[in-house]
Amino acid sequence: MHRSRAFELPMLWAGQVETEPGAVSGWHHHDRNESSLYVVRGILRLEFEGYEGYLDAGPGDFVHVPAWTVHRESNPSSEPSLAVIARVGGGIPTVNVDGPTDRHGRDDPTQT
């Protein structure tokens, strides 16, 4: 995953993220920042703590991730994905956290 900043102000950050095929981020949240993404190309998969399943967003889709929401991103496709991001709130850009534990005691519910 490669994030690049377009600009940064005290309460607003904008940029883009390119995600290579098969890449998976660690679990994290964006502090008090509200994050909105627009998918330009490819597939961006989002998983959220406390939610079984995932959200796949494709070209033309908008996605909003509320502040403090623990999640991770991935690209399940064979092509790179590209999304434009805007964050507002002025918090810490990324806070890495431990992943959720499922009802079977596994640290990562997507792993068997």
PDB file of N, CA and C in Angstrom:
ATOM      1  N   MET A   1       0.833  -1.168   0.000  1.00  0.00           N
ATOM      2  CA  MET A   1       0.000   0.000   0.000  1.00  0.00           C
ATOM      3  C   MET A   1       0.880   1.234   0.000  1.00  0.00           C
ATOM      4  N   HIS A   2       0.549   2.156  -0.861  1.00  0.00           N
ATOM      5  CA  HIS A   2       1.329   3.389  -0.922  1.00  0.00           C
ATOM      6  C   HIS A   2       0.377   4.579  -0.810  1.00  0.00           C
ATOM      7  N   ARG A   3       0.534   5.351   0.275  1.00  0.00           N
ATOM      8  CA  ARG A   3      -0.270   6.560   0.461  1.00  0.00           C
ATOM      9  C   ARG A   3       0.578   7.764   0.082  1.00  0.00           C
ATOM     10  N   SER A   4      -0.038   8.690  -0.629  1.00  0.00           N
ATOM     11  CA  SER A   4       0.662   9.935  -0.950  1.00  0.00           C
ATOM     12  C   SER A   4      -0.246  11.106  -0.615  1.00  0.00           C
ATOM     13  N   ARG A   5       0.345  12.135  -0.063  1.00  0.00           N
ATOM     14  CA  ARG A   5      -0.389  13.313   0.391  1.00  0.00           C
ATOM     15  C   ARG A   5      -0.482  14.326  -0.741  1.00  0.00           C
ATOM     16  N   ALA A   6      -1.687  14.839  -0.962  1.00  0.00           N
ATOM     17  CA  ALA A   6      -1.876  15.957  -1.892  1.00  0.00           C
ATOM     18  C   ALA A   6      -1.659  17.264  -1.134  1.00  0.00           C
ATOM     19  N   PHE A   7      -2.285  17.380   0.048  1.00  0.00           N
ATOM     20  CA  PHE A   7      -2.068  18.535   0.914  1.00  0.00           C
ATOM     21  C   PHE A   7      -2.496  18.192   2.329  1.00  0.00           C
ATOM     22  N   GLU A   8      -2.018  18.992   3.278  1.00  0.00           N
ATOM     23  CA  GLU A   8      -2.361  18.805   4.678  1.00  0.00           C
ATOM     24  C   GLU A   8      -2.538  20.169   5.327  1.00  0.00           C
ATOM     25  N   LEU A   9      -3.685  20.352   5.961  1.00  0.00           N
ATOM     26  CA  LEU A   9      -4.005  21.553   6.724  1.00  0.00           C
ATOM     27  C   LEU A   9      -4.252  21.124   8.168  1.00  0.00           C
ATOM     28  N   PRO A  10      -4.392  22.054   9.103  1.00  0.00           N
ATOM     29  CA  PRO A  10      -4.587  21.648  10.493  1.00  0.00           C
ATOM     30  C   PRO A  10      -5.768  20.691  10.715  1.00  0.00           C
ATOM     31  N   MET A  11      -6.852  20.842   9.971  1.00  0.00           N
ATOM     32  CA  MET A  11      -8.030  19.998  10.178  1.00  0.00           C
ATOM     33  C   MET A  11      -8.396  19.155   8.960  1.00  0.00           C
ATOM     34  N   LEU A  12      -7.585  19.157   7.911  1.00  0.00           N
ATOM     35  CA  LEU A  12      -7.928  18.442   6.680  1.00  0.00           C
ATOM     36  C   LEU A  12      -6.686  17.831   6.059  1.00  0.00           C
ATOM     37  N   TRP A  13      -6.812  16.567   5.670  1.00  0.00           N
ATOM     38  CA  TRP A  13      -5.746  15.863   4.952  1.00  0.00           C
ATOM     39  C   TRP A  13      -6.366  15.279   3.699  1.00  0.00           C
ATOM     40  N   ALA A  14      -5.692  15.396   2.568  1.00  0.00           N
ATOM     41  CA  ALA A  14      -6.174  14.795   1.323  1.00  0.00           C
ATOM     42  C   ALA A  14      -5.010  14.130   0.612  1.00  0.00           C
ATOM     43  N   GLY A  15      -5.316  13.034  -0.038  1.00  0.00           N
ATOM     44  CA  GLY A  15      -4.288  12.307  -0.773  1.00  0.00           C
ATOM     45  C   GLY A  15      -4.890  11.119  -1.479  1.00  0.00           C
ATOM     46  N   GLN A  16      -4.049  10.147  -1.760  1.00  0.00           N
ATOM     47  CA  GLN A  16      -4.528   8.945  -2.432  1.00  0.00           C
ATOM     48  C   GLN A  16      -3.798   7.736  -1.878  1.00  0.00           C
ATOM     49  N   VAL A  17      -4.404   6.573  -2.081  1.00  0.00           N
ATOM     50  CA  VAL A  17      -3.775   5.316  -1.692  1.00  0.00           C
ATOM     51  C   VAL A  17      -3.854   4.362  -2.872  1.00  0.00           C
ATOM     52  N   GLU A  18      -2.702   3.801  -3.221  1.00  0.00           N
ATOM     53  CA  GLU A  18      -2.651   2.759  -4.244  1.00  0.00           C
ATOM     54  C   GLU A  18      -2.339   1.452  -3.529  1.00  0.00           C
ATOM     55  N   THR A  19      -3.158   0.443  -3.801  1.00  0.00           N
ATOM     56  CA  THR A  19      -3.028  -0.841  -3.128  1.00  0.00           C
ATOM     57  C   THR A  19      -2.744  -1.924  -4.153  1.00  0.00           C
ATOM     58  N   GLU A  20      -1.619  -2.580  -3.988  1.00  0.00           N
ATOM     59  CA  GLU A  20      -1.218  -3.647  -4.907  1.00  0.00           C
ATOM     60  C   GLU A  20      -2.103  -4.880  -4.718  1.00  0.00           C
ATOM     61  N   PRO A  21      -2.235  -5.702  -5.748  1.00  0.00           N
ATOM     62  CA  PRO A  21      -3.025  -6.935  -5.629  1.00  0.00           C
ATOM     63  C   PRO A  21      -2.533  -7.794  -4.457  1.00  0.00           C
ATOM     64  N   GLY A  22      -3.474  -8.273  -3.667  1.00  0.00           N
ATOM     65  CA  GLY A  22      -3.148  -9.141  -2.541  1.00  0.00           C
ATOM     66  C   GLY A  22      -2.679  -8.441  -1.286  1.00  0.00           C
ATOM     67  N   ALA A  23      -2.449  -7.144  -1.329  1.00  0.00           N
ATOM     68  CA  ALA A  23      -1.972  -6.407  -0.149  1.00  0.00           C
ATOM     69  C   ALA A  23      -3.071  -6.303   0.903  1.00  0.00           C
ATOM     70  N   VAL A  24      -2.676  -6.380   2.171  1.00  0.00           N
ATOM     71  CA  VAL A  24      -3.606  -6.256   3.299  1.00  0.00           C
ATOM     72  C   VAL A  24      -2.952  -5.352   4.338  1.00  0.00           C
ATOM     73  N   SER A  25      -3.649  -4.302   4.754  1.00  0.00           N
ATOM     74  CA  SER A  25      -3.110  -3.423   5.797  1.00  0.00           C
ATOM     75  C   SER A  25      -3.279  -4.085   7.159  1.00  0.00           C
ATOM     76  N   GLY A  26      -2.609  -3.535   8.157  1.00  0.00           N
ATOM     77  CA  GLY A  26      -2.874  -3.949   9.524  1.00  0.00           C
ATOM     78  C   GLY A  26      -4.162  -3.295  10.015  1.00  0.00           C
ATOM     79  N   TRP A  27      -4.674  -3.791  11.127  1.00  0.00           N
ATOM     80  CA  TRP A  27      -5.857  -3.183  11.733  1.00  0.00           C
ATOM     81  C   TRP A  27      -5.458  -1.829  12.310  1.00  0.00           C
ATOM     82  N   HIS A  28      -6.319  -0.835  12.134  1.00  0.00           N
ATOM     83  CA  HIS A  28      -6.000   0.520  12.581  1.00  0.00           C
ATOM     84  C   HIS A  28      -7.272   1.361  12.649  1.00  0.00           C
ATOM     85  N   HIS A  29      -7.140   2.550  13.209  1.00  0.00           N
ATOM     86  CA  HIS A  29      -8.197   3.564  13.116  1.00  0.00           C
ATOM     87  C   HIS A  29      -7.509   4.900  12.861  1.00  0.00           C
ATOM     88  N   HIS A  30      -8.304   5.926  12.624  1.00  0.00           N
ATOM     89  CA  HIS A  30      -7.748   7.232  12.279  1.00  0.00           C
ATOM     90  C   HIS A  30      -8.072   8.290  13.331  1.00  0.00           C
ATOM     91  N   ASP A  31      -8.058   7.850  14.622  1.00  0.00           N
ATOM     92  CA  ASP A  31      -8.234   8.783  15.722  1.00  0.00           C
ATOM     93  C   ASP A  31      -9.547   9.541  15.517  1.00  0.00           C
ATOM     94  N   ARG A  32      -9.549  10.830  15.698  1.00  0.00           N
ATOM     95  CA  ARG A  32     -10.791  11.607  15.577  1.00  0.00           C
ATOM     96  C   ARG A  32     -11.087  12.036  14.139  1.00  0.00           C
ATOM     97  N   ASN A  33     -10.305  11.549  13.189  1.00  0.00           N
ATOM     98  CA  ASN A  33     -10.522  11.898  11.778  1.00  0.00           C
ATOM     99  C   ASN A  33     -11.677  11.114  11.162  1.00  0.00           C
ATOM    100  N   GLU A  34     -12.551  11.815  10.484  1.00  0.00           N
ATOM    101  CA  GLU A  34     -13.548  11.203   9.609  1.00  0.00           C
ATOM    102  C   GLU A  34     -12.866  11.031   8.260  1.00  0.00           C
ATOM    103  N   SER A  35     -12.990   9.859   7.649  1.00  0.00           N
ATOM    104  CA  SER A  35     -12.311   9.590   6.377  1.00  0.00           C
ATOM    105  C   SER A  35     -13.327   9.240   5.301  1.00  0.00           C
ATOM    106  N   SER A  36     -13.216   9.885   4.163  1.00  0.00           N
ATOM    107  CA  SER A  36     -14.050   9.562   3.004  1.00  0.00           C
ATOM    108  C   SER A  36     -13.139   9.224   1.838  1.00  0.00           C
ATOM    109  N   LEU A  37     -13.502   8.171   1.110  1.00  0.00           N
ATOM    110  CA  LEU A  37     -12.697   7.692  -0.008  1.00  0.00           C
ATOM    111  C   LEU A  37     -13.550   7.619  -1.261  1.00  0.00           C
ATOM    112  N   TYR A  38     -12.924   7.865  -2.391  1.00  0.00           N
ATOM    113  CA  TYR A  38     -13.539   7.684  -3.701  1.00  0.00           C
ATOM    114  C   TYR A  38     -12.640   6.727  -4.474  1.00  0.00           C
ATOM    115  N   VAL A  39     -13.201   5.593  -4.908  1.00  0.00           N
ATOM    116  CA  VAL A  39     -12.410   4.595  -5.622  1.00  0.00           C
ATOM    117  C   VAL A  39     -12.342   4.975  -7.099  1.00  0.00           C
ATOM    118  N   VAL A  40     -11.131   5.146  -7.586  1.00  0.00           N
ATOM    119  CA  VAL A  40     -10.890   5.528  -8.980  1.00  0.00           C
ATOM    120  C   VAL A  40     -10.783   4.288  -9.860  1.00  0.00           C
ATOM    121  N   ARG A  41     -10.028   3.278  -9.378  1.00  0.00           N
ATOM    122  CA  ARG A  41      -9.890   2.046 -10.160  1.00  0.00           C
ATOM    123  C   ARG A  41      -9.636   0.876  -9.218  1.00  0.00           C
ATOM    124  N   GLY A  42      -9.960  -0.308  -9.698  1.00  0.00           N
ATOM    125  CA  GLY A  42      -9.721  -1.523  -8.930  1.00  0.00           C
ATOM    126  C   GLY A  42     -10.759  -1.750  -7.846  1.00  0.00           C
ATOM    127  N   ILE A  43     -10.428  -2.665  -6.949  1.00  0.00           N
ATOM    128  CA  ILE A  43     -11.308  -3.029  -5.839  1.00  0.00           C
ATOM    129  C   ILE A  43     -10.602  -2.708  -4.529  1.00  0.00           C
ATOM    130  N   LEU A  44     -11.290  -2.002  -3.652  1.00  0.00           N
ATOM    131  CA  LEU A  44     -10.798  -1.730  -2.308  1.00  0.00           C
ATOM    132  C   LEU A  44     -11.726  -2.463  -1.345  1.00  0.00           C
ATOM    133  N   ARG A  45     -11.177  -3.421  -0.619  1.00  0.00           N
ATOM    134  CA  ARG A  45     -11.966  -4.181   0.358  1.00  0.00           C
ATOM    135  C   ARG A  45     -11.721  -3.600   1.742  1.00  0.00           C
ATOM    136  N   LEU A  46     -12.802  -3.379   2.479  1.00  0.00           N
ATOM    137  CA  LEU A  46     -12.723  -2.871   3.849  1.00  0.00           C
ATOM    138  C   LEU A  46     -13.373  -3.872   4.787  1.00  0.00           C
ATOM    139  N   GLU A  47     -12.687  -4.153   5.889  1.00  0.00           N
ATOM    140  CA  GLU A  47     -13.223  -4.984   6.955  1.00  0.00           C
ATOM    141  C   GLU A  47     -13.269  -4.121   8.207  1.00  0.00           C
ATOM    142  N   PHE A  48     -14.319  -4.306   9.012  1.00  0.00           N
ATOM    143  CA  PHE A  48     -14.520  -3.485  10.200  1.00  0.00           C
ATOM    144  C   PHE A  48     -14.624  -4.356  11.439  1.00  0.00           C
ATOM    145  N   GLU A  49     -14.008  -3.912  12.525  1.00  0.00           N
ATOM    146  CA  GLU A  49     -14.113  -4.623  13.796  1.00  0.00           C
ATOM    147  C   GLU A  49     -15.584  -4.729  14.187  1.00  0.00           C
ATOM    148  N   GLY A  50     -15.995  -5.917  14.624  1.00  0.00           N
ATOM    149  CA  GLY A  50     -17.365  -6.122  15.068  1.00  0.00           C
ATOM    150  C   GLY A  50     -18.349  -6.414  13.953  1.00  0.00           C
ATOM    151  N   TYR A  51     -17.880  -6.477  12.720  1.00  0.00           N
ATOM    152  CA  TYR A  51     -18.747  -6.738  11.575  1.00  0.00           C
ATOM    153  C   TYR A  51     -18.221  -7.958  10.847  1.00  0.00           C
ATOM    154  N   GLU A  52     -19.047  -8.993  10.747  1.00  0.00           N
ATOM    155  CA  GLU A  52     -18.639 -10.181  10.000  1.00  0.00           C
ATOM    156  C   GLU A  52     -18.836  -9.898   8.520  1.00  0.00           C
ATOM    157  N   GLY A  53     -17.842 -10.174   7.756  1.00  0.00           N
ATOM    158  CA  GLY A  53     -17.916  -9.897   6.329  1.00  0.00           C
ATOM    159  C   GLY A  53     -17.056  -8.706   5.977  1.00  0.00           C
ATOM    160  N   TYR A  54     -17.317  -8.148   4.810  1.00  0.00           N
ATOM    161  CA  TYR A  54     -16.493  -7.058   4.298  1.00  0.00           C
ATOM    162  C   TYR A  54     -17.299  -6.238   3.300  1.00  0.00           C
ATOM    163  N   LEU A  55     -16.731  -5.105   2.942  1.00  0.00           N
ATOM    164  CA  LEU A  55     -17.314  -4.216   1.941  1.00  0.00           C
ATOM    165  C   LEU A  55     -16.319  -4.099   0.799  1.00  0.00           C
ATOM    166  N   ASP A  56     -16.746  -4.436  -0.412  1.00  0.00           N
ATOM    167  CA  ASP A  56     -15.917  -4.234  -1.596  1.00  0.00           C
ATOM    168  C   ASP A  56     -16.415  -2.992  -2.323  1.00  0.00           C
ATOM    169  N   ALA A  57     -15.521  -2.038  -2.535  1.00  0.00           N
ATOM    170  CA  ALA A  57     -15.858  -0.808  -3.260  1.00  0.00           C
ATOM    171  C   ALA A  57     -15.081  -0.807  -4.569  1.00  0.00           C
ATOM    172  N   GLY A  58     -15.761  -0.419  -5.650  1.00  0.00           N
ATOM    173  CA  GLY A  58     -15.137  -0.388  -6.964  1.00  0.00           C
ATOM    174  C   GLY A  58     -15.177   1.003  -7.562  1.00  0.00           C
ATOM    175  N   PRO A  59     -14.719   1.137  -8.790  1.00  0.00           N
ATOM    176  CA  PRO A  59     -14.652   2.447  -9.443  1.00  0.00           C
ATOM    177  C   PRO A  59     -15.985   3.199  -9.374  1.00  0.00           C
ATOM    178  N   GLY A  60     -15.899   4.448  -8.924  1.00  0.00           N
ATOM    179  CA  GLY A  60     -17.086   5.286  -8.800  1.00  0.00           C
ATOM    180  C   GLY A  60     -17.762   5.214  -7.446  1.00  0.00           C
ATOM    181  N   ASP A  61     -17.326   4.303  -6.572  1.00  0.00           N
ATOM    182  CA  ASP A  61     -17.930   4.169  -5.243  1.00  0.00           C
ATOM    183  C   ASP A  61     -17.289   5.133  -4.250  1.00  0.00           C
ATOM    184  N   PHE A  62     -18.121   5.664  -3.371  1.00  0.00           N
ATOM    185  CA  PHE A  62     -17.672   6.453  -2.228  1.00  0.00           C
ATOM    186  C   PHE A  62     -17.805   5.592  -0.980  1.00  0.00           C
ATOM    187  N   VAL A  63     -16.868   5.723  -0.052  1.00  0.00           N
ATOM    188  CA  VAL A  63     -16.904   5.003   1.220  1.00  0.00           C
ATOM    189  C   VAL A  63     -16.575   6.005   2.318  1.00  0.00           C
ATOM    190  N   HIS A  64     -17.297   5.908   3.436  1.00  0.00           N
ATOM    191  CA  HIS A  64     -17.008   6.770   4.584  1.00  0.00           C
ATOM    192  C   HIS A  64     -16.638   5.887   5.768  1.00  0.00           C
ATOM    193  N   VAL A  65     -15.555   6.230   6.450  1.00  0.00           N
ATOM    194  CA  VAL A  65     -15.116   5.518   7.649  1.00  0.00           C
ATOM    195  C   VAL A  65     -15.166   6.516   8.806  1.00  0.00           C
ATOM    196  N   PRO A  66     -16.107   6.328   9.751  1.00  0.00           N
ATOM    197  CA  PRO A  66     -16.219   7.260  10.868  1.00  0.00           C
ATOM    198  C   PRO A  66     -14.970   7.268  11.752  1.00  0.00           C
ATOM    199  N   ALA A  67     -14.797   8.349  12.478  1.00  0.00           N
ATOM    200  CA  ALA A  67     -13.687   8.465  13.427  1.00  0.00           C
ATOM    201  C   ALA A  67     -13.693   7.281  14.386  1.00  0.00           C
ATOM    202  N   TRP A  68     -12.518   6.870  14.819  1.00  0.00           N
ATOM    203  CA  TRP A  68     -12.288   5.811  15.805  1.00  0.00           C
ATOM    204  C   TRP A  68     -12.690   4.411  15.330  1.00  0.00           C
ATOM    205  N   THR A  69     -13.107   4.246  14.097  1.00  0.00           N
ATOM    206  CA  THR A  69     -13.566   2.949  13.593  1.00  0.00           C
ATOM    207  C   THR A  69     -12.366   2.061  13.251  1.00  0.00           C
ATOM    208  N   VAL A  70     -12.240   0.944  13.947  1.00  0.00           N
ATOM    209  CA  VAL A  70     -11.143   0.006  13.690  1.00  0.00           C
ATOM    210  C   VAL A  70     -11.465  -0.775  12.418  1.00  0.00           C
ATOM    211  N   HIS A  71     -10.509  -0.775  11.494  1.00  0.00           N
ATOM    212  CA  HIS A  71     -10.732  -1.412  10.194  1.00  0.00           C
ATOM    213  C   HIS A  71      -9.397  -1.777   9.560  1.00  0.00           C
ATOM    214  N   ARG A  72      -9.477  -2.467   8.436  1.00  0.00           N
ATOM    215  CA  ARG A  72      -8.295  -2.693   7.610  1.00  0.00           C
ATOM    216  C   ARG A  72      -8.737  -2.731   6.156  1.00  0.00           C
ATOM    217  N   GLU A  73      -7.782  -2.429   5.268  1.00  0.00           N
ATOM    218  CA  GLU A  73      -8.056  -2.411   3.836  1.00  0.00           C
ATOM    219  C   GLU A  73      -7.250  -3.508   3.157  1.00  0.00           C
ATOM    220  N   SER A  74      -7.769  -3.958   2.023  1.00  0.00           N
ATOM    221  CA  SER A  74      -7.026  -4.920   1.213  1.00  0.00           C
ATOM    222  C   SER A  74      -7.459  -4.791  -0.241  1.00  0.00           C
ATOM    223  N   ASN A  75      -6.753  -5.498  -1.091  1.00  0.00           N
ATOM    224  CA  ASN A  75      -7.082  -5.546  -2.512  1.00  0.00           C
ATOM    225  C   ASN A  75      -7.152  -7.014  -2.916  1.00  0.00           C
ATOM    226  N   PRO A  76      -8.378  -7.559  -3.063  1.00  0.00           N
ATOM    227  CA  PRO A  76      -8.521  -8.974  -3.390  1.00  0.00           C
ATOM    228  C   PRO A  76      -8.379  -9.279  -4.879  1.00  0.00           C
ATOM    229  N   SER A  77      -8.169  -8.270  -5.695  1.00  0.00           N
ATOM    230  CA  SER A  77      -8.163  -8.469  -7.143  1.00  0.00           C
ATOM    231  C   SER A  77      -6.745  -8.661  -7.679  1.00  0.00           C
ATOM    232  N   SER A  78      -6.648  -8.840  -8.978  1.00  0.00           N
ATOM    233  CA  SER A  78      -5.343  -9.031  -9.624  1.00  0.00           C
ATOM    234  C   SER A  78      -4.796  -7.737 -10.224  1.00  0.00           C
ATOM    235  N   GLU A  79      -5.498  -6.626 -10.008  1.00  0.00           N
ATOM    236  CA  GLU A  79      -5.075  -5.317 -10.521  1.00  0.00           C
ATOM    237  C   GLU A  79      -4.897  -4.345  -9.359  1.00  0.00           C
ATOM    238  N   PRO A  80      -3.969  -3.389  -9.455  1.00  0.00           N
ATOM    239  CA  PRO A  80      -3.833  -2.380  -8.400  1.00  0.00           C
ATOM    240  C   PRO A  80      -5.112  -1.545  -8.266  1.00  0.00           C
ATOM    241  N   SER A  81      -5.404  -1.123  -7.054  1.00  0.00           N
ATOM    242  CA  SER A  81      -6.538  -0.218  -6.845  1.00  0.00           C
ATOM    243  C   SER A  81      -6.006   1.168  -6.505  1.00  0.00           C
ATOM    244  N   LEU A  82      -6.827   2.179  -6.781  1.00  0.00           N
ATOM    245  CA  LEU A  82      -6.473   3.564  -6.481  1.00  0.00           C
ATOM    246  C   LEU A  82      -7.695   4.256  -5.909  1.00  0.00           C
ATOM    247  N   ALA A  83      -7.524   4.897  -4.758  1.00  0.00           N
ATOM    248  CA  ALA A  83      -8.610   5.643  -4.128  1.00  0.00           C
ATOM    249  C   ALA A  83      -8.097   7.010  -3.691  1.00  0.00           C
ATOM    250  N   VAL A  84      -8.954   8.014  -3.811  1.00  0.00           N
ATOM    251  CA  VAL A  84      -8.680   9.366  -3.327  1.00  0.00           C
ATOM    252  C   VAL A  84      -9.287   9.467  -1.931  1.00  0.00           C
ATOM    253  N   ILE A  85      -8.532  10.049  -0.994  1.00  0.00           N
ATOM    254  CA  ILE A  85      -8.948  10.114   0.408  1.00  0.00           C
ATOM    255  C   ILE A  85      -9.004  11.561   0.874  1.00  0.00           C
ATOM    256  N   ALA A  86     -10.032  11.878   1.660  1.00  0.00           N
ATOM    257  CA  ALA A  86     -10.101  13.152   2.380  1.00  0.00           C
ATOM    258  C   ALA A  86     -10.397  12.825   3.840  1.00  0.00           C
ATOM    259  N   ARG A  87      -9.595  13.373   4.747  1.00  0.00           N
ATOM    260  CA  ARG A  87      -9.797  13.173   6.181  1.00  0.00           C
ATOM    261  C   ARG A  87      -9.947  14.524   6.849  1.00  0.00           C
ATOM    262  N   VAL A  88     -10.942  14.618   7.715  1.00  0.00           N
ATOM    263  CA  VAL A  88     -11.150  15.853   8.453  1.00  0.00           C
ATOM    264  C   VAL A  88     -11.234  15.519   9.940  1.00  0.00           C
ATOM    265  N   GLY A  89     -10.621  16.348  10.772  1.00  0.00           N
ATOM    266  CA  GLY A  89     -10.681  16.148  12.206  1.00  0.00           C
ATOM    267  C   GLY A  89      -9.411  16.524  12.930  1.00  0.00           C
ATOM    268  N   GLY A  90      -8.291  16.480  12.237  1.00  0.00           N
ATOM    269  CA  GLY A  90      -7.038  16.910  12.831  1.00  0.00           C
ATOM    270  C   GLY A  90      -6.428  15.960  13.832  1.00  0.00           C
ATOM    271  N   GLY A  91      -6.915  14.728  13.880  1.00  0.00           N
ATOM    272  CA  GLY A  91      -6.344  13.762  14.813  1.00  0.00           C
ATOM    273  C   GLY A  91      -5.091  13.110  14.259  1.00  0.00           C
ATOM    274  N   ILE A  92      -4.624  12.106  14.974  1.00  0.00           N
ATOM    275  CA  ILE A  92      -3.469  11.326  14.532  1.00  0.00           C
ATOM    276  C   ILE A  92      -3.864  10.622  13.235  1.00  0.00           C
ATOM    277  N   PRO A  93      -3.041  10.696  12.188  1.00  0.00           N
ATOM    278  CA  PRO A  93      -3.449  10.123  10.898  1.00  0.00           C
ATOM    279  C   PRO A  93      -3.777   8.634  10.952  1.00  0.00           C
ATOM    280  N   THR A  94      -2.928   7.828  11.592  1.00  0.00           N
ATOM    281  CA  THR A  94      -3.174   6.386  11.660  1.00  0.00           C
ATOM    282  C   THR A  94      -2.697   5.857  13.003  1.00  0.00           C
ATOM    283  N   VAL A  95      -3.581   5.113  13.677  1.00  0.00           N
ATOM    284  CA  VAL A  95      -3.254   4.477  14.948  1.00  0.00           C
ATOM    285  C   VAL A  95      -3.374   2.968  14.738  1.00  0.00           C
ATOM    286  N   ASN A  96      -2.246   2.258  14.733  1.00  0.00           N
ATOM    287  CA  ASN A  96      -2.265   0.808  14.568  1.00  0.00           C
ATOM    288  C   ASN A  96      -2.725   0.152  15.859  1.00  0.00           C
ATOM    289  N   VAL A  97      -3.556  -0.887  15.727  1.00  0.00           N
ATOM    290  CA  VAL A  97      -4.112  -1.586  16.887  1.00  0.00           C
ATOM    291  C   VAL A  97      -4.051  -3.092  16.640  1.00  0.00           C
ATOM    292  N   ASP A  98      -4.242  -3.861  17.718  1.00  0.00           N
ATOM    293  CA  ASP A  98      -4.366  -5.305  17.564  1.00  0.00           C
ATOM    294  C   ASP A  98      -5.659  -5.604  16.829  1.00  0.00           C
ATOM    295  N   GLY A  99      -5.666  -6.665  16.066  1.00  0.00           N
ATOM    296  CA  GLY A  99      -6.867  -7.065  15.336  1.00  0.00           C
ATOM    297  C   GLY A  99      -7.913  -7.638  16.267  1.00  0.00           C
ATOM    298  N   PRO A 100      -9.145  -7.688  15.811  1.00  0.00           N
ATOM    299  CA  PRO A 100     -10.221  -8.250  16.627  1.00  0.00           C
ATOM    300  C   PRO A 100     -10.033  -9.756  16.807  1.00  0.00           C
ATOM    301  N   THR A 101     -10.609 -10.291  17.870  1.00  0.00           N
ATOM    302  CA  THR A 101     -10.607 -11.727  18.125  1.00  0.00           C
ATOM    303  C   THR A 101     -12.012 -12.242  17.878  1.00  0.00           C
ATOM    304  N   ASP A 102     -12.140 -13.329  17.133  1.00  0.00           N
ATOM    305  CA  ASP A 102     -13.471 -13.859  16.847  1.00  0.00           C
ATOM    306  C   ASP A 102     -13.946 -14.765  17.978  1.00  0.00           C
ATOM    307  N   ARG A 103     -15.140 -15.310  17.853  1.00  0.00           N
ATOM    308  CA  ARG A 103     -15.745 -16.113  18.908  1.00  0.00           C
ATOM    309  C   ARG A 103     -14.998 -17.428  19.150  1.00  0.00           C
ATOM    310  N   HIS A 104     -14.086 -17.829  18.244  1.00  0.00           N
ATOM    311  CA  HIS A 104     -13.299 -19.047  18.407  1.00  0.00           C
ATOM    312  C   HIS A 104     -11.932 -18.751  19.014  1.00  0.00           C
ATOM    313  N   GLY A 105     -11.680 -17.484  19.377  1.00  0.00           N
ATOM    314  CA  GLY A 105     -10.433 -17.115  20.020  1.00  0.00           C
ATOM    315  C   GLY A 105      -9.291 -16.830  19.068  1.00  0.00           C
ATOM    316  N   ARG A 106      -9.563 -16.818  17.781  1.00  0.00           N
ATOM    317  CA  ARG A 106      -8.508 -16.504  16.812  1.00  0.00           C
ATOM    318  C   ARG A 106      -8.297 -15.001  16.783  1.00  0.00           C
ATOM    319  N   ASP A 107      -7.053 -14.580  16.619  1.00  0.00           N
ATOM    320  CA  ASP A 107      -6.752 -13.152  16.571  1.00  0.00           C
ATOM    321  C   ASP A 107      -7.285 -12.498  15.313  1.00  0.00           C
ATOM    322  N   ASP A 108      -7.348 -13.225  14.228  1.00  0.00           N
ATOM    323  CA  ASP A 108      -7.806 -12.671  12.955  1.00  0.00           C
ATOM    324  C   ASP A 108      -8.946 -13.535  12.447  1.00  0.00           C
ATOM    325  N   PRO A 109     -10.189 -13.032  12.501  1.00  0.00           N
ATOM    326  CA  PRO A 109     -11.335 -13.854  12.125  1.00  0.00           C
ATOM    327  C   PRO A 109     -11.325 -14.320  10.676  1.00  0.00           C
ATOM    328  N   THR A 110     -10.467 -13.755   9.830  1.00  0.00           N
ATOM    329  CA  THR A 110     -10.433 -14.206   8.436  1.00  0.00           C
ATOM    330  C   THR A 110      -9.513 -15.406   8.270  1.00  0.00           C
ATOM    331  N   GLN A 111      -8.757 -15.755   9.314  1.00  0.00           N
ATOM    332  CA  GLN A 111      -7.830 -16.889   9.241  1.00  0.00           C
ATOM    333  C   GLN A 111      -8.449 -18.110   9.905  1.00  0.00           C
ATOM    334  N   THR A 112      -8.190 -19.277   9.354  1.00  0.00           N
ATOM    335  CA  THR A 112      -8.739 -20.508   9.934  1.00  0.00           C
ATOM    336  C   THR A 112      -7.700 -21.264  10.715  1.00  0.00           C
TER     337      THR A 112
END
